[in-house]
PDB file of N, CA and C in Angstrom:
ATOM      1  N   MET A   1     108.975 106.701  97.338  1.00  0.00           N
ATOM      2  CA  MET A   1     109.390 105.539  97.696  1.00  0.00           C
ATOM      3  C   MET A   1     110.728 105.441  97.761  1.00  0.00           C
ATOM      4  N   ARG A   2     111.735 104.754  98.852  1.00  0.00           N
ATOM      5  CA  ARG A   2     113.106 104.616  98.861  1.00  0.00           C
ATOM      6  C   ARG A   2     113.543 103.496  98.003  1.00  0.00           C
ATOM      7  N   PHE A   3     114.520 103.746  97.541  1.00  0.00           N
ATOM      8  CA  PHE A   3     115.215 102.180  97.202  1.00  0.00           C
ATOM      9  C   PHE A   3     116.843 102.513  97.439  1.00  0.00           C
ATOM     10  N   GLY A   4     117.133 102.074  98.677  1.00  0.00           N
ATOM     11  CA  GLY A   4     118.542 101.924  99.365  1.00  0.00           C
ATOM     12  C   GLY A   4     118.302 103.381  99.439  1.00  0.00           C
ATOM     13  N   VAL A   5     119.474 103.994  99.091  1.00  0.00           N
ATOM     14  CA  VAL A   5     119.851 105.591  99.500  1.00  0.00           C
ATOM     15  C   VAL A   5     118.746 106.491  98.992  1.00  0.00           C
ATOM     16  N   ASN A   6     118.253 106.016  97.572  1.00  0.00           N
ATOM     17  CA  ASN A   6     118.027 106.903  96.180  1.00  0.00           C
ATOM     18  C   ASN A   6     116.064 106.935  96.807  1.00  0.00           C
ATOM     19  N   ILE A   7     115.702 108.082  96.657  1.00  0.00           N
ATOM     20  CA  ILE A   7     114.566 108.603  96.485  1.00  0.00           C
ATOM     21  C   ILE A   7     113.507 108.597  95.256  1.00  0.00           C
ATOM     22  N   HIS A   8     112.608 107.823  94.977  1.00  0.00           N
ATOM     23  CA  HIS A   8     112.024 107.837  93.417  1.00  0.00           C
ATOM     24  C   HIS A   8     110.919 109.580  93.398  1.00  0.00           C
ATOM     25  N   ARG A   9     111.318 109.780  93.431  1.00  0.00           N
ATOM     26  CA  ARG A   9     110.993 111.311  93.136  1.00  0.00           C
ATOM     27  C   ARG A   9     110.651 112.029  91.746  1.00  0.00           C
ATOM     28  N   GLU A  10     110.507 111.493  90.557  1.00  0.00           N
ATOM     29  CA  GLU A  10     110.414 111.397  89.474  1.00  0.00           C
ATOM     30  C   GLU A  10     109.730 110.440  88.903  1.00  0.00           C
ATOM     31  N   TRP A  11     108.341 110.433  88.748  1.00  0.00           N
ATOM     32  CA  TRP A  11     107.683 110.297  87.663  1.00  0.00           C
ATOM     33  C   TRP A  11     107.328 109.794  86.006  1.00  0.00           C
ATOM     34  N   GLN A  12     107.537 109.299  85.428  1.00  0.00           N
ATOM     35  CA  GLN A  12     107.698 108.962  84.111  1.00  0.00           C
ATOM     36  C   GLN A  12     106.615 108.817  83.417  1.00  0.00           C
ATOM     37  N   PHE A  13     105.793 109.482  82.506  1.00  0.00           N
ATOM     38  CA  PHE A  13     104.670 109.295  82.277  1.00  0.00           C
ATOM     39  C   PHE A  13     104.741 109.016  80.157  1.00  0.00           C
ATOM     40  N   ARG A  14     103.972 108.845  80.013  1.00  0.00           N
ATOM     41  CA  ARG A  14     103.553 109.214  78.099  1.00  0.00           C
ATOM     42  C   ARG A  14     101.677 109.570  78.197  1.00  0.00           C
ATOM     43  N   ALA A  15     102.266 110.069  77.145  1.00  0.00           N
ATOM     44  CA  ALA A  15     100.598 110.622  76.828  1.00  0.00           C
ATOM     45  C   ALA A  15     100.674 111.147  75.530  1.00  0.00           C
ATOM     46  N   ASP A  16     100.034 110.800  74.047  1.00  0.00           N
ATOM     47  CA  ASP A  16     100.027 111.152  72.849  1.00  0.00           C
ATOM     48  C   ASP A  16     101.035 111.389  72.482  1.00  0.00           C
ATOM     49  N   GLY A  17     101.392 110.131  72.280  1.00  0.00           N
ATOM     50  CA  GLY A  17     102.997 109.893  72.047  1.00  0.00           C
ATOM     51  C   GLY A  17     103.717 110.398  72.117  1.00  0.00           C
ATOM     52  N   ARG A  18     103.741 111.298  72.917  1.00  0.00           N
ATOM     53  CA  ARG A  18     105.652 112.150  74.205  1.00  0.00           C
ATOM     54  C   ARG A  18     105.797 111.665  75.531  1.00  0.00           C
ATOM     55  N   SER A  19     106.871 111.441  76.061  1.00  0.00           N
ATOM     56  CA  SER A  19     107.326 111.266  77.293  1.00  0.00           C
ATOM     57  C   SER A  19     107.333 112.202  78.125  1.00  0.00           C
ATOM     58  N   PHE A  20     106.813 112.338  79.488  1.00  0.00           N
ATOM     59  CA  PHE A  20     107.393 113.820  80.457  1.00  0.00           C
ATOM     60  C   PHE A  20     107.668 112.971  81.428  1.00  0.00           C
ATOM     61  N   LYS A  21     108.217 114.240  82.290  1.00  0.00           N
ATOM     62  CA  LYS A  21     108.600 113.752  83.700  1.00  0.00           C
ATOM     63  C   LYS A  21     107.808 114.360  84.995  1.00  0.00           C
ATOM     64  N   VAL A  22     107.252 114.130  85.918  1.00  0.00           N
ATOM     65  CA  VAL A  22     106.764 114.853  86.869  1.00  0.00           C
ATOM     66  C   VAL A  22     107.512 114.699  88.181  1.00  0.00           C
ATOM     67  N   LEU A  23     108.108 115.756  88.970  1.00  0.00           N
ATOM     68  CA  LEU A  23     108.804 115.589  90.083  1.00  0.00           C
ATOM     69  C   LEU A  23     107.499 115.475  90.859  1.00  0.00           C
ATOM     70  N   VAL A  24     107.484 114.392  91.696  1.00  0.00           N
ATOM     71  CA  VAL A  24     106.353 114.558  92.932  1.00  0.00           C
ATOM     72  C   VAL A  24     107.469 114.674  94.654  1.00  0.00           C
ATOM     73  N   SER A  25     106.743 114.877  95.302  1.00  0.00           N
ATOM     74  CA  SER A  25     106.762 114.756  96.543  1.00  0.00           C
ATOM     75  C   SER A  25     105.888 114.992  97.342  1.00  0.00           C
ATOM     76  N   GLY A  26     106.388 115.032  99.117  1.00  0.00           N
ATOM     77  CA  GLY A  26     105.279 114.571 100.030  1.00  0.00           C
ATOM     78  C   GLY A  26     106.172 114.201 101.511  1.00  0.00           C
ATOM     79  N   ARG A  27     105.319 114.331 102.284  1.00  0.00           N
ATOM     80  CA  ARG A  27     105.646 113.920 103.594  1.00  0.00           C
ATOM     81  C   ARG A  27     105.685 112.446 104.628  1.00  0.00           C
ATOM     82  N   ARG A  28     105.565 111.732 103.742  1.00  0.00           N
ATOM     83  CA  ARG A  28     106.381 110.023 104.163  1.00  0.00           C
ATOM     84  C   ARG A  28     107.036 109.715 103.050  1.00  0.00           C
ATOM     85  N   ILE A  29     107.913 108.983 103.070  1.00  0.00           N
ATOM     86  CA  ILE A  29     108.766 108.442 102.523  1.00  0.00           C
ATOM     87  C   ILE A  29     108.765 106.622 102.895  1.00  0.00           C
ATOM     88  N   ALA A  30     109.088 105.446 102.443  1.00  0.00           N
ATOM     89  CA  ALA A  30     109.088 104.311 102.903  1.00  0.00           C
ATOM     90  C   ALA A  30     109.663 103.002 101.818  1.00  0.00           C
ATOM     91  N   ASN A  31     110.205 102.413 102.156  1.00  0.00           N
ATOM     92  CA  ASN A  31     110.869 101.221 101.813  1.00  0.00           C
ATOM     93  C   ASN A  31     109.518 100.228 101.315  1.00  0.00           C
ATOM     94  N   ASP A  32     108.772 100.328 101.876  1.00  0.00           N
ATOM     95  CA  ASP A  32     107.849  98.809 101.692  1.00  0.00           C
ATOM     96  C   ASP A  32     106.768  99.133 100.791  1.00  0.00           C
ATOM     97  N   GLY A  33     106.743  98.638 100.084  1.00  0.00           N
ATOM     98  CA  GLY A  33     105.087  99.136  98.836  1.00  0.00           C
ATOM     99  C   GLY A  33     104.177  99.050  99.611  1.00  0.00           C
ATOM    100  N   ASP A  34     104.121  97.648 100.444  1.00  0.00           N
ATOM    101  CA  ASP A  34     102.574  97.733 101.515  1.00  0.00           C
ATOM    102  C   ASP A  34     102.056  98.842 102.474  1.00  0.00           C
ATOM    103  N   GLN A  35     103.691  99.342 102.708  1.00  0.00           N
ATOM    104  CA  GLN A  35     102.848 100.898 103.533  1.00  0.00           C
ATOM    105  C   GLN A  35     102.045 102.109 102.260  1.00  0.00           C
ATOM    106  N   VAL A  36     102.942 101.954 101.703  1.00  0.00           N
ATOM    107  CA  VAL A  36     102.777 102.895 100.823  1.00  0.00           C
ATOM    108  C   VAL A  36     101.039 102.455 100.544  1.00  0.00           C
ATOM    109  N   ARG A  37     100.595 101.814 100.175  1.00  0.00           N
ATOM    110  CA  ARG A  37      99.428 101.111 100.052  1.00  0.00           C
ATOM    111  C   ARG A  37      98.407 101.884 100.890  1.00  0.00           C
ATOM    112  N   GLN A  38      98.885 101.057 102.142  1.00  0.00           N
ATOM    113  CA  GLN A  38      98.269 101.618 103.129  1.00  0.00           C
ATOM    114  C   GLN A  38      97.946 103.317 103.747  1.00  0.00           C
ATOM    115  N   TRP A  39      99.171 104.258 103.258  1.00  0.00           N
ATOM    116  CA  TRP A  39      98.869 105.181 103.290  1.00  0.00           C
ATOM    117  C   TRP A  39      97.939 105.547 102.179  1.00  0.00           C
ATOM    118  N   CYS A  40      97.277 105.291 100.927  1.00  0.00           N
ATOM    119  CA  CYS A  40      96.693 105.281 100.058  1.00  0.00           C
ATOM    120  C   CYS A  40      95.419 104.916 100.199  1.00  0.00           C
ATOM    121  N   LEU A  41      95.568 103.577 101.232  1.00  0.00           N
ATOM    122  CA  LEU A  41      93.460 103.353 101.485  1.00  0.00           C
ATOM    123  C   LEU A  41      93.568 104.289 102.743  1.00  0.00           C
ATOM    124  N   ALA A  42      94.826 105.014 103.293  1.00  0.00           N
ATOM    125  CA  ALA A  42      94.353 105.718 104.753  1.00  0.00           C
ATOM    126  C   ALA A  42      93.994 107.449 104.233  1.00  0.00           C
ATOM    127  N   GLY A  43      93.377 107.541 102.794  1.00  0.00           N
ATOM    128  CA  GLY A  43      93.887 108.918 101.995  1.00  0.00           C
ATOM    129  C   GLY A  43      94.656 109.765 101.948  1.00  0.00           C
ATOM    130  N   HIS A  44      95.886 109.372 102.358  1.00  0.00           N
ATOM    131  CA  HIS A  44      96.852 110.348 102.690  1.00  0.00           C
ATOM    132  C   HIS A  44      97.779 110.727 100.974  1.00  0.00           C
ATOM    133  N   GLY A  45      97.178 109.721 100.094  1.00  0.00           N
ATOM    134  CA  GLY A  45      97.778 110.946  98.461  1.00  0.00           C
ATOM    135  C   GLY A  45      97.720 109.847  97.523  1.00  0.00           C
ATOM    136  N   ILE A  46      98.253 109.727  96.909  1.00  0.00           N
ATOM    137  CA  ILE A  46      98.375 108.738  95.302  1.00  0.00           C
ATOM    138  C   ILE A  46      99.959 108.345  95.523  1.00  0.00           C
ATOM    139  N   CYS A  47      99.649 107.136  94.852  1.00  0.00           N
ATOM    140  CA  CYS A  47     100.740 106.289  94.415  1.00  0.00           C
ATOM    141  C   CYS A  47     101.225 105.625  93.200  1.00  0.00           C
ATOM    142  N   ILE A  48     101.964 105.354  92.703  1.00  0.00           N
ATOM    143  CA  ILE A  48     102.226 104.544  91.445  1.00  0.00           C
ATOM    144  C   ILE A  48     102.556 102.867  92.395  1.00  0.00           C
ATOM    145  N   LYS A  49     101.686 101.996  91.992  1.00  0.00           N
ATOM    146  CA  LYS A  49     101.509 100.265  92.342  1.00  0.00           C
ATOM    147  C   LYS A  49     101.355  99.750  91.227  1.00  0.00           C
ATOM    148  N   SER A  50     101.720  98.377  91.215  1.00  0.00           N
ATOM    149  CA  SER A  50     101.570  97.255  90.354  1.00  0.00           C
ATOM    150  C   SER A  50     100.010  97.369  90.657  1.00  0.00           C
ATOM    151  N   TYR A  51      99.257  96.844  89.740  1.00  0.00           N
ATOM    152  CA  TYR A  51      97.923  96.370  89.403  1.00  0.00           C
ATOM    153  C   TYR A  51      97.786  95.186  89.619  1.00  0.00           C
ATOM    154  N   ILE A  52      98.523  94.276  89.832  1.00  0.00           N
ATOM    155  CA  ILE A  52      98.623  92.639  91.194  1.00  0.00           C
ATOM    156  C   ILE A  52      98.363  93.687  92.561  1.00  0.00           C
ATOM    157  N   ASP A  53      99.098  94.404  93.045  1.00  0.00           N
ATOM    158  CA  ASP A  53      99.374  94.742  94.363  1.00  0.00           C
ATOM    159  C   ASP A  53      98.161  95.344  95.106  1.00  0.00           C
ATOM    160  N   VAL A  54      97.303  96.312  93.567  1.00  0.00           N
ATOM    161  CA  VAL A  54      95.980  96.812  94.610  1.00  0.00           C
ATOM    162  C   VAL A  54      94.879  96.802  93.468  1.00  0.00           C
ATOM    163  N   ARG A  55      94.695  95.086  93.006  1.00  0.00           N
ATOM    164  CA  ARG A  55      94.285  94.873  92.147  1.00  0.00           C
ATOM    165  C   ARG A  55      92.687  94.540  92.970  1.00  0.00           C
ATOM    166  N   ASP A  56      92.919  93.863  94.443  1.00  0.00           N
ATOM    167  CA  ASP A  56      91.310  93.749  95.059  1.00  0.00           C
ATOM    168  C   ASP A  56      90.957  94.959  95.525  1.00  0.00           C
ATOM    169  N   ASP A  57      91.518  96.252  95.837  1.00  0.00           N
ATOM    170  CA  ASP A  57      91.331  96.995  96.131  1.00  0.00           C
ATOM    171  C   ASP A  57      90.404  97.766  95.290  1.00  0.00           C
ATOM    172  N   LEU A  58      91.360  98.242  93.745  1.00  0.00           N
ATOM    173  CA  LEU A  58      90.246  98.497  93.128  1.00  0.00           C
ATOM    174  C   LEU A  58      89.086  98.056  92.524  1.00  0.00           C
ATOM    175  N   GLU A  59      89.084  96.695  93.017  1.00  0.00           N
ATOM    176  CA  GLU A  59      87.578  95.465  92.462  1.00  0.00           C
ATOM    177  C   GLU A  59      86.651  96.271  93.660  1.00  0.00           C
ATOM    178  N   ALA A  60      87.378  96.426  95.036  1.00  0.00           N
ATOM    179  CA  ALA A  60      86.170  96.782  95.974  1.00  0.00           C
ATOM    180  C   ALA A  60      85.713  98.449  96.068  1.00  0.00           C
ATOM    181  N   GLY A  61      86.367  99.297  95.723  1.00  0.00           N
ATOM    182  CA  GLY A  61      86.124 100.426  95.705  1.00  0.00           C
ATOM    183  C   GLY A  61      87.064 100.930  96.537  1.00  0.00           C
ATOM    184  N   ARG A  62      87.798 100.477  97.140  1.00  0.00           N
ATOM    185  CA  ARG A  62      88.686 100.906  98.170  1.00  0.00           C
ATOM    186  C   ARG A  62      89.656 101.954  97.911  1.00  0.00           C
ATOM    187  N   LEU A  63      90.180 101.821  96.559  1.00  0.00           N
ATOM    188  CA  LEU A  63      91.135 102.636  95.347  1.00  0.00           C
ATOM    189  C   LEU A  63      90.567 102.965  94.504  1.00  0.00           C
ATOM    190  N   ILE A  64      91.037 104.190  93.628  1.00  0.00           N
ATOM    191  CA  ILE A  64      90.406 104.360  92.919  1.00  0.00           C
ATOM    192  C   ILE A  64      91.856 104.677  91.565  1.00  0.00           C
ATOM    193  N   GLU A  65      91.472 104.489  90.324  1.00  0.00           N
ATOM    194  CA  GLU A  65      92.791 104.463  89.291  1.00  0.00           C
ATOM    195  C   GLU A  65      92.929 105.716  88.652  1.00  0.00           C
ATOM    196  N   VAL A  66      93.577 106.852  89.254  1.00  0.00           N
ATOM    197  CA  VAL A  66      93.594 108.370  88.527  1.00  0.00           C
ATOM    198  C   VAL A  66      94.986 108.085  87.089  1.00  0.00           C
ATOM    199  N   LEU A  67      94.841 109.504  86.624  1.00  0.00           N
ATOM    200  CA  LEU A  67      95.403 109.728  85.189  1.00  0.00           C
ATOM    201  C   LEU A  67      95.513 108.282  84.401  1.00  0.00           C
ATOM    202  N   GLU A  68      94.504 107.679  84.293  1.00  0.00           N
ATOM    203  CA  GLU A  68      94.548 106.559  83.232  1.00  0.00           C
ATOM    204  C   GLU A  68      94.942 106.447  82.233  1.00  0.00           C
ATOM    205  N   THR A  69      93.997 107.798  81.452  1.00  0.00           N
ATOM    206  CA  THR A  69      94.960 108.019  80.551  1.00  0.00           C
ATOM    207  C   THR A  69      96.252 107.981  80.183  1.00  0.00           C
ATOM    208  N   TYR A  70      97.240 107.999  81.319  1.00  0.00           N
ATOM    209  CA  TYR A  70      98.662 108.284  80.992  1.00  0.00           C
ATOM    210  C   TYR A  70      99.108 107.048  81.145  1.00  0.00           C
ATOM    211  N   SER A  71      99.973 106.828  80.599  1.00  0.00           N
ATOM    212  CA  SER A  71     100.657 105.147  80.352  1.00  0.00           C
ATOM    213  C   SER A  71     101.951 105.338  81.440  1.00  0.00           C
ATOM    214  N   LEU A  72     102.395 104.679  82.379  1.00  0.00           N
ATOM    215  CA  LEU A  72     103.559 104.956  82.385  1.00  0.00           C
ATOM    216  C   LEU A  72     105.035 104.207  81.824  1.00  0.00           C
ATOM    217  N   GLN A  73     106.123 104.976  82.257  1.00  0.00           N
ATOM    218  CA  GLN A  73     107.208 104.332  81.798  1.00  0.00           C
ATOM    219  C   GLN A  73     107.915 103.115  82.000  1.00  0.00           C
ATOM    220  N   GLY A  74     108.381 102.599  81.969  1.00  0.00           N
ATOM    221  CA  GLY A  74     108.871 101.408  82.561  1.00  0.00           C
ATOM    222  C   GLY A  74     109.485 101.802  84.116  1.00  0.00           C
ATOM    223  N   VAL A  75     108.846 100.879  85.020  1.00  0.00           N
ATOM    224  CA  VAL A  75     109.557 100.995  86.711  1.00  0.00           C
ATOM    225  C   VAL A  75     110.291 100.296  86.730  1.00  0.00           C
ATOM    226  N   ASP A  76     110.931 100.141  87.541  1.00  0.00           N
ATOM    227  CA  ASP A  76     112.086  98.868  88.287  1.00  0.00           C
ATOM    228  C   ASP A  76     111.286  98.241  88.987  1.00  0.00           C
ATOM    229  N   LEU A  77     112.042  97.006  88.506  1.00  0.00           N
ATOM    230  CA  LEU A  77     111.396  95.583  89.226  1.00  0.00           C
ATOM    231  C   LEU A  77     112.708  95.220  90.533  1.00  0.00           C
ATOM    232  N   GLN A  78     113.021  95.236  91.465  1.00  0.00           N
ATOM    233  CA  GLN A  78     114.008  94.617  92.512  1.00  0.00           C
ATOM    234  C   GLN A  78     114.115  93.659  93.110  1.00  0.00           C
ATOM    235  N   ILE A  79     115.107  92.426  93.016  1.00  0.00           N
ATOM    236  CA  ILE A  79     115.282  91.388  93.638  1.00  0.00           C
ATOM    237  C   ILE A  79     116.184  91.743  95.268  1.00  0.00           C
ATOM    238  N   VAL A  80     115.578  91.552  96.275  1.00  0.00           N
ATOM    239  CA  VAL A  80     116.039  91.896  97.264  1.00  0.00           C
ATOM    240  C   VAL A  80     116.349  90.875  98.112  1.00  0.00           C
ATOM    241  N   TYR A  81     117.939  90.582  98.609  1.00  0.00           N
ATOM    242  CA  TYR A  81     118.472  89.292  99.623  1.00  0.00           C
ATOM    243  C   TYR A  81     119.314  90.171 100.408  1.00  0.00           C
ATOM    244  N   PRO A  82     119.437  89.092 101.345  1.00  0.00           N
ATOM    245  CA  PRO A  82     120.480  89.843 102.530  1.00  0.00           C
ATOM    246  C   PRO A  82     122.043  89.981 102.058  1.00  0.00           C
ATOM    247  N   SER A  83     122.128  91.009 102.822  1.00  0.00           N
ATOM    248  CA  SER A  83     123.849  91.583 102.048  1.00  0.00           C
ATOM    249  C   SER A  83     124.433  90.582 103.163  1.00  0.00           C
ATOM    250  N   GLY A  84     126.358  90.415 102.413  1.00  0.00           N
ATOM    251  CA  GLY A  84     127.191  89.331 103.071  1.00  0.00           C
ATOM    252  C   GLY A  84     126.513  88.095 103.628  1.00  0.00           C
ATOM    253  N   HIS A  85     125.879  87.557 103.104  1.00  0.00           N
ATOM    254  CA  HIS A  85     125.502  86.504 103.420  1.00  0.00           C
ATOM    255  C   HIS A  85     125.633  85.506 101.622  1.00  0.00           C
ATOM    256  N   ALA A  86     126.408  84.258 101.541  1.00  0.00           N
ATOM    257  CA  ALA A  86     126.510  83.548 100.294  1.00  0.00           C
ATOM    258  C   ALA A  86     125.330  83.304 100.130  1.00  0.00           C
ATOM    259  N   LEU A  87     124.869  83.561  98.437  1.00  0.00           N
ATOM    260  CA  LEU A  87     123.851  83.658  97.865  1.00  0.00           C
ATOM    261  C   LEU A  87     123.337  81.851  97.463  1.00  0.00           C
ATOM    262  N   PRO A  88     122.587  81.385  97.967  1.00  0.00           N
ATOM    263  CA  PRO A  88     122.709  80.086  97.429  1.00  0.00           C
ATOM    264  C   PRO A  88     122.304  79.849  95.718  1.00  0.00           C
ATOM    265  N   ARG A  89     122.787  78.637  95.345  1.00  0.00           N
ATOM    266  CA  ARG A  89     122.534  78.574  94.097  1.00  0.00           C
ATOM    267  C   ARG A  89     121.053  78.821  93.362  1.00  0.00           C
ATOM    268  N   ARG A  90     120.064  78.245  94.172  1.00  0.00           N
ATOM    269  CA  ARG A  90     118.828  78.524  93.801  1.00  0.00           C
ATOM    270  C   ARG A  90     118.282  79.540  93.668  1.00  0.00           C
ATOM    271  N   VAL A  91     118.888  80.382  94.467  1.00  0.00           N
ATOM    272  CA  VAL A  91     118.335  81.601  94.441  1.00  0.00           C
ATOM    273  C   VAL A  91     119.248  82.709  93.249  1.00  0.00           C
ATOM    274  N   LYS A  92     120.772  82.360  92.820  1.00  0.00           N
ATOM    275  CA  LYS A  92     120.605  82.919  91.847  1.00  0.00           C
ATOM    276  C   LYS A  92     120.131  82.146  90.912  1.00  0.00           C
ATOM    277  N   LEU A  93     119.697  80.923  90.331  1.00  0.00           N
ATOM    278  CA  LEU A  93     119.305  80.274  89.073  1.00  0.00           C
ATOM    279  C   LEU A  93     117.548  81.235  89.105  1.00  0.00           C
ATOM    280  N   LEU A  94     117.107  81.496  90.062  1.00  0.00           N
ATOM    281  CA  LEU A  94     115.858  82.123  90.092  1.00  0.00           C
ATOM    282  C   LEU A  94     115.988  83.649  89.309  1.00  0.00           C
ATOM    283  N   MET A  95     116.536  84.160  90.333  1.00  0.00           N
ATOM    284  CA  MET A  95     116.832  85.515  89.235  1.00  0.00           C
ATOM    285  C   MET A  95     117.672  85.703  88.171  1.00  0.00           C
ATOM    286  N   ASP A  96     118.490  85.019  87.384  1.00  0.00           N
ATOM    287  CA  ASP A  96     118.297  84.805  86.770  1.00  0.00           C
ATOM    288  C   ASP A  96     117.581  84.206  85.369  1.00  0.00           C
ATOM    289  N   ASP A  97     116.337  83.230  85.763  1.00  0.00           N
ATOM    290  CA  ASP A  97     115.895  83.341  85.086  1.00  0.00           C
ATOM    291  C   ASP A  97     114.305  84.115  85.103  1.00  0.00           C
ATOM    292  N   ILE A  98     113.950  84.948  86.025  1.00  0.00           N
ATOM    293  CA  ILE A  98     112.970  86.026  85.974  1.00  0.00           C
ATOM    294  C   ILE A  98     113.951  86.852  85.351  1.00  0.00           C
ATOM    295  N   SER A  99     114.958  87.164  85.779  1.00  0.00           N
ATOM    296  CA  SER A  99     115.589  88.321  84.735  1.00  0.00           C
ATOM    297  C   SER A  99     115.527  87.865  83.176  1.00  0.00           C
ATOM    298  N   SER A 100     115.919  87.229  82.884  1.00  0.00           N
ATOM    299  CA  SER A 100     115.788  86.626  81.101  1.00  0.00           C
ATOM    300  C   SER A 100     114.891  86.694  80.438  1.00  0.00           C
ATOM    301  N   LYS A 101     113.492  86.168  81.039  1.00  0.00           N
ATOM    302  CA  LYS A 101     112.086  86.500  81.246  1.00  0.00           C
ATOM    303  C   LYS A 101     111.547  87.889  80.328  1.00  0.00           C
ATOM    304  N   LEU A 102     112.438  88.306  81.746  1.00  0.00           N
ATOM    305  CA  LEU A 102     111.698  90.212  81.436  1.00  0.00           C
ATOM    306  C   LEU A 102     112.615  91.103  80.843  1.00  0.00           C
ATOM    307  N   GLN A 103     113.617  90.589  80.271  1.00  0.00           N
ATOM    308  CA  GLN A 103     114.230  91.583  79.220  1.00  0.00           C
ATOM    309  C   GLN A 103     113.486  91.492  78.167  1.00  0.00           C
ATOM    310  N   VAL A 104     113.591  93.336  77.545  1.00  0.00           N
ATOM    311  CA  VAL A 104     113.224  93.082  76.061  1.00  0.00           C
ATOM    312  C   VAL A 104     113.689  93.499  75.061  1.00  0.00           C
TER     313      VAL A 104
END
């Protein structure tokens, strides 16, 4: 997955009380989570996705969960909006509200 100029190549897991990282690589890179899901549905590999994004696919048997005994470390959540535009107040308030509810 590409986030801006950065490619997320390091997956962080937790198992048996310890954390570890796994470097991943592949021939496909996208900045669109649904595109990554489509590649998985087409059999092109594995991915880390939010359960909400793939729940229907899991329930229908189109995708299967692998490495289920490993829990993920925190995964970044991003809010995206057009650069160079004035940010409407309602969008700023929504971003602040989401951020405050997700802080640990």
